[in-house]
């Protein structure tokens, strides 16, 4: 069963993280007054990859935590 809370939290983290990486890259490119080069695209790609991997790990951690809480609640009954 897919957890809606864990999915919402990790999706929110991923959306804000990706937006932050993209907007900060655009701000740097605008402040430099020139279009970006391949290196800056690679740096942005690394940042996006980091956010997506960490969002996946966050989802797995939250699912494990929820399963443990459910197991403990069932054991109390």
C-alpha atoms as a PDB file:
ATOM      1  CA  UNK A   1       0.000   0.000   0.000  1.00  0.00           C
ATOM      2  CA  UNK A   2       1.371   3.392  -1.004  1.00  0.00           C
ATOM      3  CA  UNK A   3       1.591   5.940   1.783  1.00  0.00           C
ATOM      4  CA  UNK A   4       0.039   9.234   0.823  1.00  0.00           C
ATOM      5  CA  UNK A   5       1.804  11.165   3.608  1.00  0.00           C
ATOM      6  CA  UNK A   6       5.286   9.891   2.775  1.00  0.00           C
ATOM      7  CA  UNK A   7       4.657  10.441  -0.922  1.00  0.00           C
ATOM      8  CA  UNK A   8       3.364  13.989  -0.360  1.00  0.00           C
ATOM      9  CA  UNK A   9       6.299  14.944   1.850  1.00  0.00           C
ATOM     10  CA  UNK A  10       8.939  13.557  -0.505  1.00  0.00           C
ATOM     11  CA  UNK A  11       7.179  15.067  -3.547  1.00  0.00           C
ATOM     12  CA  UNK A  12       7.047  18.473  -1.848  1.00  0.00           C
ATOM     13  CA  UNK A  13      10.746  18.216  -0.988  1.00  0.00           C
ATOM     14  CA  UNK A  14      11.584  17.278  -4.590  1.00  0.00           C
ATOM     15  CA  UNK A  15       9.522  20.115  -6.069  1.00  0.00           C
ATOM     16  CA  UNK A  16      10.989  22.798  -3.819  1.00  0.00           C
ATOM     17  CA  UNK A  17      14.511  21.418  -4.217  1.00  0.00           C
ATOM     18  CA  UNK A  18      14.329  21.303  -7.999  1.00  0.00           C
ATOM     19  CA  UNK A  19      12.809  24.782  -8.131  1.00  0.00           C
ATOM     20  CA  UNK A  20      15.613  26.083  -5.913  1.00  0.00           C
ATOM     21  CA  UNK A  21      18.329  24.544  -8.109  1.00  0.00           C
ATOM     22  CA  UNK A  22      16.780  25.843 -11.326  1.00  0.00           C
ATOM     23  CA  UNK A  23      16.047  29.352 -10.033  1.00  0.00           C
ATOM     24  CA  UNK A  24      19.471  29.753  -8.439  1.00  0.00           C
ATOM     25  CA  UNK A  25      21.133  28.618 -11.674  1.00  0.00           C
ATOM     26  CA  UNK A  26      19.061  31.114 -13.637  1.00  0.00           C
ATOM     27  CA  UNK A  27      19.992  33.874 -11.188  1.00  0.00           C
ATOM     28  CA  UNK A  28      23.681  33.127 -11.650  1.00  0.00           C
ATOM     29  CA  UNK A  29      23.327  33.068 -15.421  1.00  0.00           C
ATOM     30  CA  UNK A  30      21.464  36.397 -15.407  1.00  0.00           C
ATOM     31  CA  UNK A  31      23.995  38.009 -13.070  1.00  0.00           C
ATOM     32  CA  UNK A  32      26.835  36.931 -15.357  1.00  0.00           C
ATOM     33  CA  UNK A  33      25.084  38.566 -18.291  1.00  0.00           C
ATOM     34  CA  UNK A  34      25.807  35.697 -20.617  1.00  0.00           C
ATOM     35  CA  UNK A  35      24.171  32.453 -21.560  1.00  0.00           C
ATOM     36  CA  UNK A  36      25.251  29.360 -19.744  1.00  0.00           C
ATOM     37  CA  UNK A  37      27.812  26.900 -20.991  1.00  0.00           C
ATOM     38  CA  UNK A  38      27.897  23.103 -20.806  1.00  0.00           C
ATOM     39  CA  UNK A  39      29.598  23.134 -17.413  1.00  0.00           C
ATOM     40  CA  UNK A  40      26.803  25.107 -15.765  1.00  0.00           C
ATOM     41  CA  UNK A  41      24.226  22.749 -17.264  1.00  0.00           C
ATOM     42  CA  UNK A  42      26.187  19.829 -15.815  1.00  0.00           C
ATOM     43  CA  UNK A  43      26.272  21.508 -12.391  1.00  0.00           C
ATOM     44  CA  UNK A  44      22.538  22.087 -12.524  1.00  0.00           C
ATOM     45  CA  UNK A  45      22.031  18.461 -13.544  1.00  0.00           C
ATOM     46  CA  UNK A  46      24.105  17.266 -10.598  1.00  0.00           C
ATOM     47  CA  UNK A  47      22.017  19.391  -8.250  1.00  0.00           C
ATOM     48  CA  UNK A  48      18.765  18.049  -9.667  1.00  0.00           C
ATOM     49  CA  UNK A  49      20.041  14.467  -9.454  1.00  0.00           C
ATOM     50  CA  UNK A  50      21.002  15.005  -5.815  1.00  0.00           C
ATOM     51  CA  UNK A  51      17.540  16.352  -4.978  1.00  0.00           C
ATOM     52  CA  UNK A  52      15.780  13.464  -6.706  1.00  0.00           C
ATOM     53  CA  UNK A  53      17.967  10.801  -5.084  1.00  0.00           C
ATOM     54  CA  UNK A  54      17.575  12.344  -1.638  1.00  0.00           C
ATOM     55  CA  UNK A  55      13.785  12.613  -2.165  1.00  0.00           C
ATOM     56  CA  UNK A  56      13.712   8.899  -2.963  1.00  0.00           C
ATOM     57  CA  UNK A  57      15.695   8.114   0.176  1.00  0.00           C
ATOM     58  CA  UNK A  58      13.415  10.387   2.216  1.00  0.00           C
ATOM     59  CA  UNK A  59      10.376   8.510   0.898  1.00  0.00           C
ATOM     60  CA  UNK A  60      11.929   5.149   1.816  1.00  0.00           C
ATOM     61  CA  UNK A  61      12.800   6.385   5.305  1.00  0.00           C
ATOM     62  CA  UNK A  62       9.299   7.757   5.905  1.00  0.00           C
ATOM     63  CA  UNK A  63       7.703   4.515   4.671  1.00  0.00           C
ATOM     64  CA  UNK A  64       9.898   2.488   7.022  1.00  0.00           C
ATOM     65  CA  UNK A  65       8.975   4.793   9.903  1.00  0.00           C
ATOM     66  CA  UNK A  66       5.256   4.557   9.107  1.00  0.00           C
ATOM     67  CA  UNK A  67       5.450   0.757   8.895  1.00  0.00           C
ATOM     68  CA  UNK A  68       7.188   0.615  12.262  1.00  0.00           C
ATOM     69  CA  UNK A  69       4.546   2.867  13.838  1.00  0.00           C
ATOM     70  CA  UNK A  70       1.776   0.719  12.376  1.00  0.00           C
ATOM     71  CA  UNK A  71       3.470  -2.447  13.640  1.00  0.00           C
ATOM     72  CA  UNK A  72       3.798  -0.997  17.135  1.00  0.00           C
ATOM     73  CA  UNK A  73       0.195   0.213  17.135  1.00  0.00           C
ATOM     74  CA  UNK A  74      -0.989  -3.249  16.085  1.00  0.00           C
ATOM     75  CA  UNK A  75       1.091  -4.823  18.848  1.00  0.00           C
ATOM     76  CA  UNK A  76      -0.640  -2.656  21.465  1.00  0.00           C
ATOM     77  CA  UNK A  77      -4.091  -3.876  20.498  1.00  0.00           C
END
